[in-house]
PDB file of N, CA and C in Angstrom:
ATOM      1  N   MET A   1      18.687  -7.360  -7.798  1.00  0.00           N
ATOM      2  CA  MET A   1      18.287  -7.933  -9.063  1.00  0.00           C
ATOM      3  C   MET A   1      19.348  -8.924  -9.527  1.00  0.00           C
ATOM      4  N   THR A   2      18.887 -10.073  -9.915  1.00  0.00           N
ATOM      5  CA  THR A   2      19.809 -11.069 -10.445  1.00  0.00           C
ATOM      6  C   THR A   2      19.878 -10.923 -11.967  1.00  0.00           C
ATOM      7  N   ILE A   3      20.855 -11.583 -12.553  1.00  0.00           N
ATOM      8  CA  ILE A   3      20.993 -11.565 -14.011  1.00  0.00           C
ATOM      9  C   ILE A   3      19.739 -12.153 -14.663  1.00  0.00           C
ATOM     10  N   ALA A   4      19.215 -13.221 -14.077  1.00  0.00           N
ATOM     11  CA  ALA A   4      18.010 -13.855 -14.626  1.00  0.00           C
ATOM     12  C   ALA A   4      16.821 -12.902 -14.593  1.00  0.00           C
ATOM     13  N   SER A   5      16.677 -12.133 -13.517  1.00  0.00           N
ATOM     14  CA  SER A   5      15.546 -11.200 -13.448  1.00  0.00           C
ATOM     15  C   SER A   5      15.719 -10.055 -14.436  1.00  0.00           C
ATOM     16  N   ILE A   6      16.955  -9.625 -14.664  1.00  0.00           N
ATOM     17  CA  ILE A   6      17.205  -8.571 -15.645  1.00  0.00           C
ATOM     18  C   ILE A   6      16.907  -9.076 -17.054  1.00  0.00           C
ATOM     19  N   LEU A   7      17.382 -10.276 -17.380  1.00  0.00           N
ATOM     20  CA  LEU A   7      17.098 -10.854 -18.700  1.00  0.00           C
ATOM     21  C   LEU A   7      15.606 -11.090 -18.890  1.00  0.00           C
ATOM     22  N   GLY A   8      14.955 -11.561 -17.852  1.00  0.00           N
ATOM     23  CA  GLY A   8      13.511 -11.762 -17.915  1.00  0.00           C
ATOM     24  C   GLY A   8      12.779 -10.452 -18.139  1.00  0.00           C
ATOM     25  N   ALA A   9      13.239  -9.399 -17.474  1.00  0.00           N
ATOM     26  CA  ALA A   9      12.620  -8.085 -17.632  1.00  0.00           C
ATOM     27  C   ALA A   9      12.817  -7.556 -19.050  1.00  0.00           C
ATOM     28  N   ILE A  10      13.943  -7.860 -19.660  1.00  0.00           N
ATOM     29  CA  ILE A  10      14.189  -7.424 -21.032  1.00  0.00           C
ATOM     30  C   ILE A  10      13.245  -8.127 -21.999  1.00  0.00           C
ATOM     31  N   VAL A  11      13.117  -9.444 -21.845  1.00  0.00           N
ATOM     32  CA  VAL A  11      12.215 -10.202 -22.725  1.00  0.00           C
ATOM     33  C   VAL A  11      10.771  -9.770 -22.498  1.00  0.00           C
ATOM     34  N   ILE A  12      10.371  -9.703 -21.237  1.00  0.00           N
ATOM     35  CA  ILE A  12       9.015  -9.267 -20.910  1.00  0.00           C
ATOM     36  C   ILE A  12       8.823  -7.820 -21.347  1.00  0.00           C
ATOM     37  N   GLY A  13       9.875  -7.012 -21.228  1.00  0.00           N
ATOM     38  CA  GLY A  13       9.793  -5.610 -21.608  1.00  0.00           C
ATOM     39  C   GLY A  13       9.435  -5.395 -23.062  1.00  0.00           C
ATOM     40  N   ALA A  14       9.961  -6.239 -23.929  1.00  0.00           N
ATOM     41  CA  ALA A  14       9.614  -6.123 -25.342  1.00  0.00           C
ATOM     42  C   ALA A  14       8.114  -6.354 -25.534  1.00  0.00           C
ATOM     43  N   ILE A  15       7.579  -7.311 -24.821  1.00  0.00           N
ATOM     44  CA  ILE A  15       6.145  -7.607 -24.908  1.00  0.00           C
ATOM     45  C   ILE A  15       5.345  -6.500 -24.222  1.00  0.00           C
ATOM     46  N   VAL A  16       5.816  -6.075 -23.062  1.00  0.00           N
ATOM     47  CA  VAL A  16       5.118  -5.038 -22.296  1.00  0.00           C
ATOM     48  C   VAL A  16       5.050  -3.728 -23.088  1.00  0.00           C
ATOM     49  N   GLY A  17       6.117  -3.390 -23.787  1.00  0.00           N
ATOM     50  CA  GLY A  17       6.118  -2.180 -24.597  1.00  0.00           C
ATOM     51  C   GLY A  17       5.052  -2.225 -25.682  1.00  0.00           C
ATOM     52  N   ALA A  18       4.950  -3.367 -26.340  1.00  0.00           N
ATOM     53  CA  ALA A  18       3.936  -3.526 -27.383  1.00  0.00           C
ATOM     54  C   ALA A  18       2.529  -3.442 -26.790  1.00  0.00           C
ATOM     55  N   VAL A  19       2.321  -4.094 -25.651  1.00  0.00           N
ATOM     56  CA  VAL A  19       1.004  -4.051 -24.998  1.00  0.00           C
ATOM     57  C   VAL A  19       0.684  -2.629 -24.551  1.00  0.00           C
ATOM     58  N   GLY A  20       1.671  -1.942 -23.986  1.00  0.00           N
ATOM     59  CA  GLY A  20       1.467  -0.563 -23.556  1.00  0.00           C
ATOM     60  C   GLY A  20       1.072   0.336 -24.706  1.00  0.00           C
ATOM     61  N   ARG A  21       1.709   0.142 -25.842  1.00  0.00           N
ATOM     62  CA  ARG A  21       1.372   0.950 -27.021  1.00  0.00           C
ATOM     63  C   ARG A  21      -0.031   0.632 -27.514  1.00  0.00           C
ATOM     64  N   LEU A  22      -0.391  -0.640 -27.512  1.00  0.00           N
ATOM     65  CA  LEU A  22      -1.726  -1.027 -27.964  1.00  0.00           C
ATOM     66  C   LEU A  22      -2.827  -0.505 -27.036  1.00  0.00           C
ATOM     67  N   LEU A  23      -2.549  -0.417 -25.737  1.00  0.00           N
ATOM     68  CA  LEU A  23      -3.550   0.046 -24.780  1.00  0.00           C
ATOM     69  C   LEU A  23      -3.662   1.565 -24.716  1.00  0.00           C
ATOM     70  N   LEU A  24      -2.661   2.275 -25.202  1.00  0.00           N
ATOM     71  CA  LEU A  24      -2.679   3.731 -25.178  1.00  0.00           C
ATOM     72  C   LEU A  24      -3.542   4.230 -26.341  1.00  0.00           C
ATOM     73  N   PRO A  25      -4.596   4.992 -26.028  1.00  0.00           N
ATOM     74  CA  PRO A  25      -5.471   5.445 -27.110  1.00  0.00           C
ATOM     75  C   PRO A  25      -4.783   6.448 -28.040  1.00  0.00           C
ATOM     76  N   GLY A  26      -5.213   6.469 -29.275  1.00  0.00           N
ATOM     77  CA  GLY A  26      -4.672   7.409 -30.255  1.00  0.00           C
ATOM     78  C   GLY A  26      -3.444   6.864 -30.954  1.00  0.00           C
ATOM     79  N   ARG A  27      -2.925   7.680 -31.856  1.00  0.00           N
ATOM     80  CA  ARG A  27      -1.725   7.297 -32.603  1.00  0.00           C
ATOM     81  C   ARG A  27      -0.495   7.802 -31.875  1.00  0.00           C
ATOM     82  N   GLN A  28       0.551   7.008 -31.896  1.00  0.00           N
ATOM     83  CA  GLN A  28       1.814   7.402 -31.301  1.00  0.00           C
ATOM     84  C   GLN A  28       2.850   7.527 -32.418  1.00  0.00           C
ATOM     85  N   PRO A  29       3.469   8.701 -32.557  1.00  0.00           N
ATOM     86  CA  PRO A  29       4.431   8.904 -33.642  1.00  0.00           C
ATOM     87  C   PRO A  29       5.820   8.360 -33.308  1.00  0.00           C
ATOM     88  N   ILE A  30       5.871   7.143 -32.789  1.00  0.00           N
ATOM     89  CA  ILE A  30       7.161   6.516 -32.489  1.00  0.00           C
ATOM     90  C   ILE A  30       7.180   5.137 -33.133  1.00  0.00           C
ATOM     91  N   GLY A  31       8.362   4.677 -33.456  1.00  0.00           N
ATOM     92  CA  GLY A  31       8.518   3.375 -34.091  1.00  0.00           C
ATOM     93  C   GLY A  31       8.441   2.241 -33.079  1.00  0.00           C
ATOM     94  N   TRP A  32       8.393   1.038 -33.641  1.00  0.00           N
ATOM     95  CA  TRP A  32       8.291  -0.149 -32.785  1.00  0.00           C
ATOM     96  C   TRP A  32       9.557  -0.393 -31.979  1.00  0.00           C
ATOM     97  N   ILE A  33      10.716  -0.043 -32.533  1.00  0.00           N
ATOM     98  CA  ILE A  33      11.961  -0.268 -31.788  1.00  0.00           C
ATOM     99  C   ILE A  33      11.991   0.616 -30.542  1.00  0.00           C
ATOM    100  N   LEU A  34      11.607   1.879 -30.698  1.00  0.00           N
ATOM    101  CA  LEU A  34      11.549   2.774 -29.537  1.00  0.00           C
ATOM    102  C   LEU A  34      10.493   2.313 -28.543  1.00  0.00           C
ATOM    103  N   THR A  35       9.392   1.776 -29.059  1.00  0.00           N
ATOM    104  CA  THR A  35       8.350   1.218 -28.186  1.00  0.00           C
ATOM    105  C   THR A  35       8.899   0.069 -27.355  1.00  0.00           C
ATOM    106  N   ILE A  36       9.679  -0.803 -27.981  1.00  0.00           N
ATOM    107  CA  ILE A  36      10.273  -1.934 -27.267  1.00  0.00           C
ATOM    108  C   ILE A  36      11.279  -1.447 -26.233  1.00  0.00           C
ATOM    109  N   VAL A  37      12.073  -0.446 -26.581  1.00  0.00           N
ATOM    110  CA  VAL A  37      13.035   0.117 -25.619  1.00  0.00           C
ATOM    111  C   VAL A  37      12.307   0.694 -24.414  1.00  0.00           C
ATOM    112  N   VAL A  38      11.223   1.433 -24.672  1.00  0.00           N
ATOM    113  CA  VAL A  38      10.422   1.980 -23.569  1.00  0.00           C
ATOM    114  C   VAL A  38       9.868   0.841 -22.715  1.00  0.00           C
ATOM    115  N   GLY A  39       9.410  -0.226 -23.355  1.00  0.00           N
ATOM    116  CA  GLY A  39       8.897  -1.381 -22.621  1.00  0.00           C
ATOM    117  C   GLY A  39       9.954  -2.048 -21.763  1.00  0.00           C
ATOM    118  N   ILE A  40      11.161  -2.161 -22.290  1.00  0.00           N
ATOM    119  CA  ILE A  40      12.257  -2.763 -21.519  1.00  0.00           C
ATOM    120  C   ILE A  40      12.573  -1.911 -20.297  1.00  0.00           C
ATOM    121  N   VAL A  41      12.653  -0.606 -20.494  1.00  0.00           N
ATOM    122  CA  VAL A  41      12.916   0.297 -19.360  1.00  0.00           C
ATOM    123  C   VAL A  41      11.782   0.189 -18.338  1.00  0.00           C
ATOM    124  N   ALA A  42      10.539   0.169 -18.829  1.00  0.00           N
ATOM    125  CA  ALA A  42       9.385   0.047 -17.927  1.00  0.00           C
ATOM    126  C   ALA A  42       9.423  -1.269 -17.165  1.00  0.00           C
ATOM    127  N   ALA A  43       9.807  -2.336 -17.841  1.00  0.00           N
ATOM    128  CA  ALA A  43       9.868  -3.641 -17.178  1.00  0.00           C
ATOM    129  C   ALA A  43      10.959  -3.665 -16.102  1.00  0.00           C
ATOM    130  N   LEU A  44      12.104  -3.085 -16.411  1.00  0.00           N
ATOM    131  CA  LEU A  44      13.184  -3.039 -15.416  1.00  0.00           C
ATOM    132  C   LEU A  44      12.778  -2.195 -14.210  1.00  0.00           C
ATOM    133  N   ILE A  45      12.169  -1.036 -14.467  1.00  0.00           N
ATOM    134  CA  ILE A  45      11.722  -0.176 -13.361  1.00  0.00           C
ATOM    135  C   ILE A  45      10.608  -0.866 -12.574  1.00  0.00           C
ATOM    136  N   GLY A  46       9.666  -1.503 -13.273  1.00  0.00           N
ATOM    137  CA  GLY A  46       8.577  -2.217 -12.600  1.00  0.00           C
ATOM    138  C   GLY A  46       9.084  -3.351 -11.725  1.00  0.00           C
ATOM    139  N   THR A  47      10.087  -4.078 -12.220  1.00  0.00           N
ATOM    140  CA  THR A  47      10.692  -5.150 -11.431  1.00  0.00           C
ATOM    141  C   THR A  47      11.375  -4.587 -10.194  1.00  0.00           C
ATOM    142  N   ALA A  48      12.106  -3.484 -10.354  1.00  0.00           N
ATOM    143  CA  ALA A  48      12.797  -2.872  -9.216  1.00  0.00           C
ATOM    144  C   ALA A  48      11.794  -2.367  -8.183  1.00  0.00           C
ATOM    145  N   ILE A  49      10.715  -1.723  -8.639  1.00  0.00           N
ATOM    146  CA  ILE A  49       9.686  -1.229  -7.713  1.00  0.00           C
ATOM    147  C   ILE A  49       9.033  -2.397  -6.975  1.00  0.00           C
ATOM    148  N   ALA A  50       8.746  -3.473  -7.693  1.00  0.00           N
ATOM    149  CA  ALA A  50       8.133  -4.644  -7.062  1.00  0.00           C
ATOM    150  C   ALA A  50       9.045  -5.220  -5.982  1.00  0.00           C
ATOM    151  N   GLN A  51      10.337  -5.232  -6.240  1.00  0.00           N
ATOM    152  CA  GLN A  51      11.269  -5.754  -5.235  1.00  0.00           C
ATOM    153  C   GLN A  51      11.365  -4.818  -4.035  1.00  0.00           C
ATOM    154  N   VAL A  52      11.362  -3.513  -4.273  1.00  0.00           N
ATOM    155  CA  VAL A  52      11.420  -2.544  -3.174  1.00  0.00           C
ATOM    156  C   VAL A  52      10.168  -2.653  -2.307  1.00  0.00           C
ATOM    157  N   LEU A  53       9.018  -2.858  -2.956  1.00  0.00           N
ATOM    158  CA  LEU A  53       7.755  -2.977  -2.233  1.00  0.00           C
ATOM    159  C   LEU A  53       7.519  -4.382  -1.667  1.00  0.00           C
ATOM    160  N   ASN A  54       8.484  -5.267  -1.839  1.00  0.00           N
ATOM    161  CA  ASN A  54       8.404  -6.650  -1.361  1.00  0.00           C
ATOM    162  C   ASN A  54       7.174  -7.388  -1.899  1.00  0.00           C
ATOM    163  N   VAL A  55       6.888  -7.176  -3.184  1.00  0.00           N
ATOM    164  CA  VAL A  55       5.807  -7.919  -3.815  1.00  0.00           C
ATOM    165  C   VAL A  55       6.243  -9.380  -3.896  1.00  0.00           C
ATOM    166  N   ALA A  56       5.382 -10.258  -3.437  1.00  0.00           N
ATOM    167  CA  ALA A  56       5.725 -11.678  -3.394  1.00  0.00           C
ATOM    168  C   ALA A  56       5.943 -12.223  -4.796  1.00  0.00           C
ATOM    169  N   THR A  57       6.995 -13.004  -4.952  1.00  0.00           N
ATOM    170  CA  THR A  57       7.243 -13.674  -6.231  1.00  0.00           C
ATOM    171  C   THR A  57       6.650 -15.076  -6.171  1.00  0.00           C
ATOM    172  N   THR A  58       6.198 -15.531  -7.310  1.00  0.00           N
ATOM    173  CA  THR A  58       5.588 -16.849  -7.389  1.00  0.00           C
ATOM    174  C   THR A  58       6.303 -17.673  -8.451  1.00  0.00           C
ATOM    175  N   ASP A  59       5.952 -18.951  -8.514  1.00  0.00           N
ATOM    176  CA  ASP A  59       6.506 -19.812  -9.559  1.00  0.00           C
ATOM    177  C   ASP A  59       5.833 -19.536 -10.898  1.00  0.00           C
ATOM    178  N   GLY A  60       4.668 -18.925 -10.858  1.00  0.00           N
ATOM    179  CA  GLY A  60       3.926 -18.611 -12.078  1.00  0.00           C
ATOM    180  C   GLY A  60       4.120 -17.166 -12.469  1.00  0.00           C
ATOM    181  N   ILE A  61       3.065 -16.567 -12.951  1.00  0.00           N
ATOM    182  CA  ILE A  61       3.098 -15.175 -13.380  1.00  0.00           C
ATOM    183  C   ILE A  61       2.883 -14.271 -12.167  1.00  0.00           C
ATOM    184  N   ASP A  62       3.746 -13.289 -12.030  1.00  0.00           N
ATOM    185  CA  ASP A  62       3.604 -12.305 -10.956  1.00  0.00           C
ATOM    186  C   ASP A  62       2.733 -11.168 -11.477  1.00  0.00           C
ATOM    187  N   TRP A  63       1.436 -11.279 -11.243  1.00  0.00           N
ATOM    188  CA  TRP A  63       0.468 -10.356 -11.834  1.00  0.00           C
ATOM    189  C   TRP A  63       0.644  -8.922 -11.370  1.00  0.00           C
ATOM    190  N   ILE A  64       0.958  -8.727 -10.104  1.00  0.00           N
ATOM    191  CA  ILE A  64       1.125  -7.359  -9.595  1.00  0.00           C
ATOM    192  C   ILE A  64       2.310  -6.692 -10.278  1.00  0.00           C
ATOM    193  N   GLU A  65       3.405  -7.395 -10.385  1.00  0.00           N
ATOM    194  CA  GLU A  65       4.588  -6.862 -11.054  1.00  0.00           C
ATOM    195  C   GLU A  65       4.299  -6.605 -12.538  1.00  0.00           C
ATOM    196  N   LEU A  66       3.588  -7.499 -13.177  1.00  0.00           N
ATOM    197  CA  LEU A  66       3.248  -7.346 -14.591  1.00  0.00           C
ATOM    198  C   LEU A  66       2.356  -6.128 -14.825  1.00  0.00           C
ATOM    199  N   VAL A  67       1.390  -5.918 -13.941  1.00  0.00           N
ATOM    200  CA  VAL A  67       0.520  -4.744 -14.061  1.00  0.00           C
ATOM    201  C   VAL A  67       1.348  -3.471 -13.899  1.00  0.00           C
ATOM    202  N   MET A  68       2.277  -3.453 -12.945  1.00  0.00           N
ATOM    203  CA  MET A  68       3.154  -2.293 -12.770  1.00  0.00           C
ATOM    204  C   MET A  68       3.941  -2.022 -14.045  1.00  0.00           C
ATOM    205  N   GLN A  69       4.468  -3.079 -14.642  1.00  0.00           N
ATOM    206  CA  GLN A  69       5.258  -2.926 -15.855  1.00  0.00           C
ATOM    207  C   GLN A  69       4.421  -2.374 -17.008  1.00  0.00           C
ATOM    208  N   VAL A  70       3.222  -2.884 -17.176  1.00  0.00           N
ATOM    209  CA  VAL A  70       2.358  -2.423 -18.273  1.00  0.00           C
ATOM    210  C   VAL A  70       1.953  -0.961 -18.052  1.00  0.00           C
ATOM    211  N   VAL A  71       1.591  -0.605 -16.827  1.00  0.00           N
ATOM    212  CA  VAL A  71       1.230   0.786 -16.534  1.00  0.00           C
ATOM    213  C   VAL A  71       2.408   1.715 -16.805  1.00  0.00           C
ATOM    214  N   LEU A  72       3.596   1.318 -16.383  1.00  0.00           N
ATOM    215  CA  LEU A  72       4.784   2.133 -16.651  1.00  0.00           C
ATOM    216  C   LEU A  72       5.061   2.226 -18.147  1.00  0.00           C
ATOM    217  N   ALA A  73       4.812   1.161 -18.889  1.00  0.00           N
ATOM    218  CA  ALA A  73       5.000   1.193 -20.340  1.00  0.00           C
ATOM    219  C   ALA A  73       4.012   2.145 -21.000  1.00  0.00           C
ATOM    220  N   ILE A  74       2.760   2.122 -20.543  1.00  0.00           N
ATOM    221  CA  ILE A  74       1.756   3.039 -21.087  1.00  0.00           C
ATOM    222  C   ILE A  74       2.187   4.489 -20.833  1.00  0.00           C
ATOM    223  N   VAL A  75       2.616   4.768 -19.614  1.00  0.00           N
ATOM    224  CA  VAL A  75       3.070   6.119 -19.272  1.00  0.00           C
ATOM    225  C   VAL A  75       4.304   6.484 -20.108  1.00  0.00           C
ATOM    226  N   GLY A  76       5.238   5.548 -20.214  1.00  0.00           N
ATOM    227  CA  GLY A  76       6.462   5.816 -20.974  1.00  0.00           C
ATOM    228  C   GLY A  76       6.198   6.060 -22.449  1.00  0.00           C
ATOM    229  N   VAL A  77       5.363   5.233 -23.054  1.00  0.00           N
ATOM    230  CA  VAL A  77       5.028   5.430 -24.469  1.00  0.00           C
ATOM    231  C   VAL A  77       4.318   6.758 -24.656  1.00  0.00           C
ATOM    232  N   GLY A  78       3.420   7.091 -23.741  1.00  0.00           N
ATOM    233  CA  GLY A  78       2.721   8.376 -23.819  1.00  0.00           C
ATOM    234  C   GLY A  78       3.679   9.550 -23.712  1.00  0.00           C
ATOM    235  N   LEU A  79       4.635   9.467 -22.794  1.00  0.00           N
ATOM    236  CA  LEU A  79       5.609  10.550 -22.635  1.00  0.00           C
ATOM    237  C   LEU A  79       6.493  10.697 -23.863  1.00  0.00           C
ATOM    238  N   VAL A  80       7.014   9.582 -24.350  1.00  0.00           N
ATOM    239  CA  VAL A  80       7.885   9.635 -25.523  1.00  0.00           C
ATOM    240  C   VAL A  80       7.113  10.126 -26.744  1.00  0.00           C
ATOM    241  N   ALA A  81       5.888   9.651 -26.902  1.00  0.00           N
ATOM    242  CA  ALA A  81       5.060  10.105 -28.030  1.00  0.00           C
ATOM    243  C   ALA A  81       4.782  11.601 -27.911  1.00  0.00           C
ATOM    244  N   GLY A  82       4.521  12.080 -26.708  1.00  0.00           N
ATOM    245  CA  GLY A  82       4.289  13.505 -26.504  1.00  0.00           C
ATOM    246  C   GLY A  82       5.518  14.337 -26.812  1.00  0.00           C
ATOM    247  N   LEU A  83       6.678  13.843 -26.430  1.00  0.00           N
ATOM    248  CA  LEU A  83       7.918  14.552 -26.730  1.00  0.00           C
ATOM    249  C   LEU A  83       8.185  14.573 -28.230  1.00  0.00           C
ATOM    250  N   ARG A  84       7.887  13.461 -28.890  1.00  0.00           N
ATOM    251  CA  ARG A  84       8.093  13.390 -30.340  1.00  0.00           C
ATOM    252  C   ARG A  84       7.118  14.311 -31.072  1.00  0.00           C
ATOM    253  N   ARG A  85       5.884  14.403 -30.573  1.00  0.00           N
ATOM    254  CA  ARG A  85       4.879  15.275 -31.202  1.00  0.00           C
ATOM    255  C   ARG A  85       5.285  16.735 -31.118  1.00  0.00           C
ATOM    256  N   SER A  86       5.848  17.127 -29.966  1.00  0.00           N
ATOM    257  CA  SER A  86       6.205  18.533 -29.786  1.00  0.00           C
ATOM    258  C   SER A  86       7.385  18.923 -30.672  1.00  0.00           C
ATOM    259  N   ARG A  87       8.183  17.975 -31.093  1.00  0.00           N
ATOM    260  CA  ARG A  87       9.313  18.244 -31.972  1.00  0.00           C
ATOM    261  C   ARG A  87       8.884  18.363 -33.424  1.00  0.00           C
ATOM    262  N   VAL A  88       7.810  17.654 -33.777  1.00  0.00           N
ATOM    263  CA  VAL A  88       7.384  17.604 -35.184  1.00  0.00           C
ATOM    264  C   VAL A  88       6.636  18.827 -35.581  1.00  0.00           C
TER     265      VAL A  88
END
């Protein structure tokens, strides 16, 4: 991973976290900042998985990598929301 890919994953992660939260059905008892953090982590993990799987990079949008990131964000938001629910 290069510095540019990490920074890109952070920026995309903020967006991916929001999209993941919007696509997850029901209410999530977590704030937007935690949602963005989950999205950033999901984006970094999605980028790493895409590189391990040798997903081809393009000059445009890497749709396969983006789908991985969004799916990981949905799972991450769901897990964090579930953990927060069990505490409340």
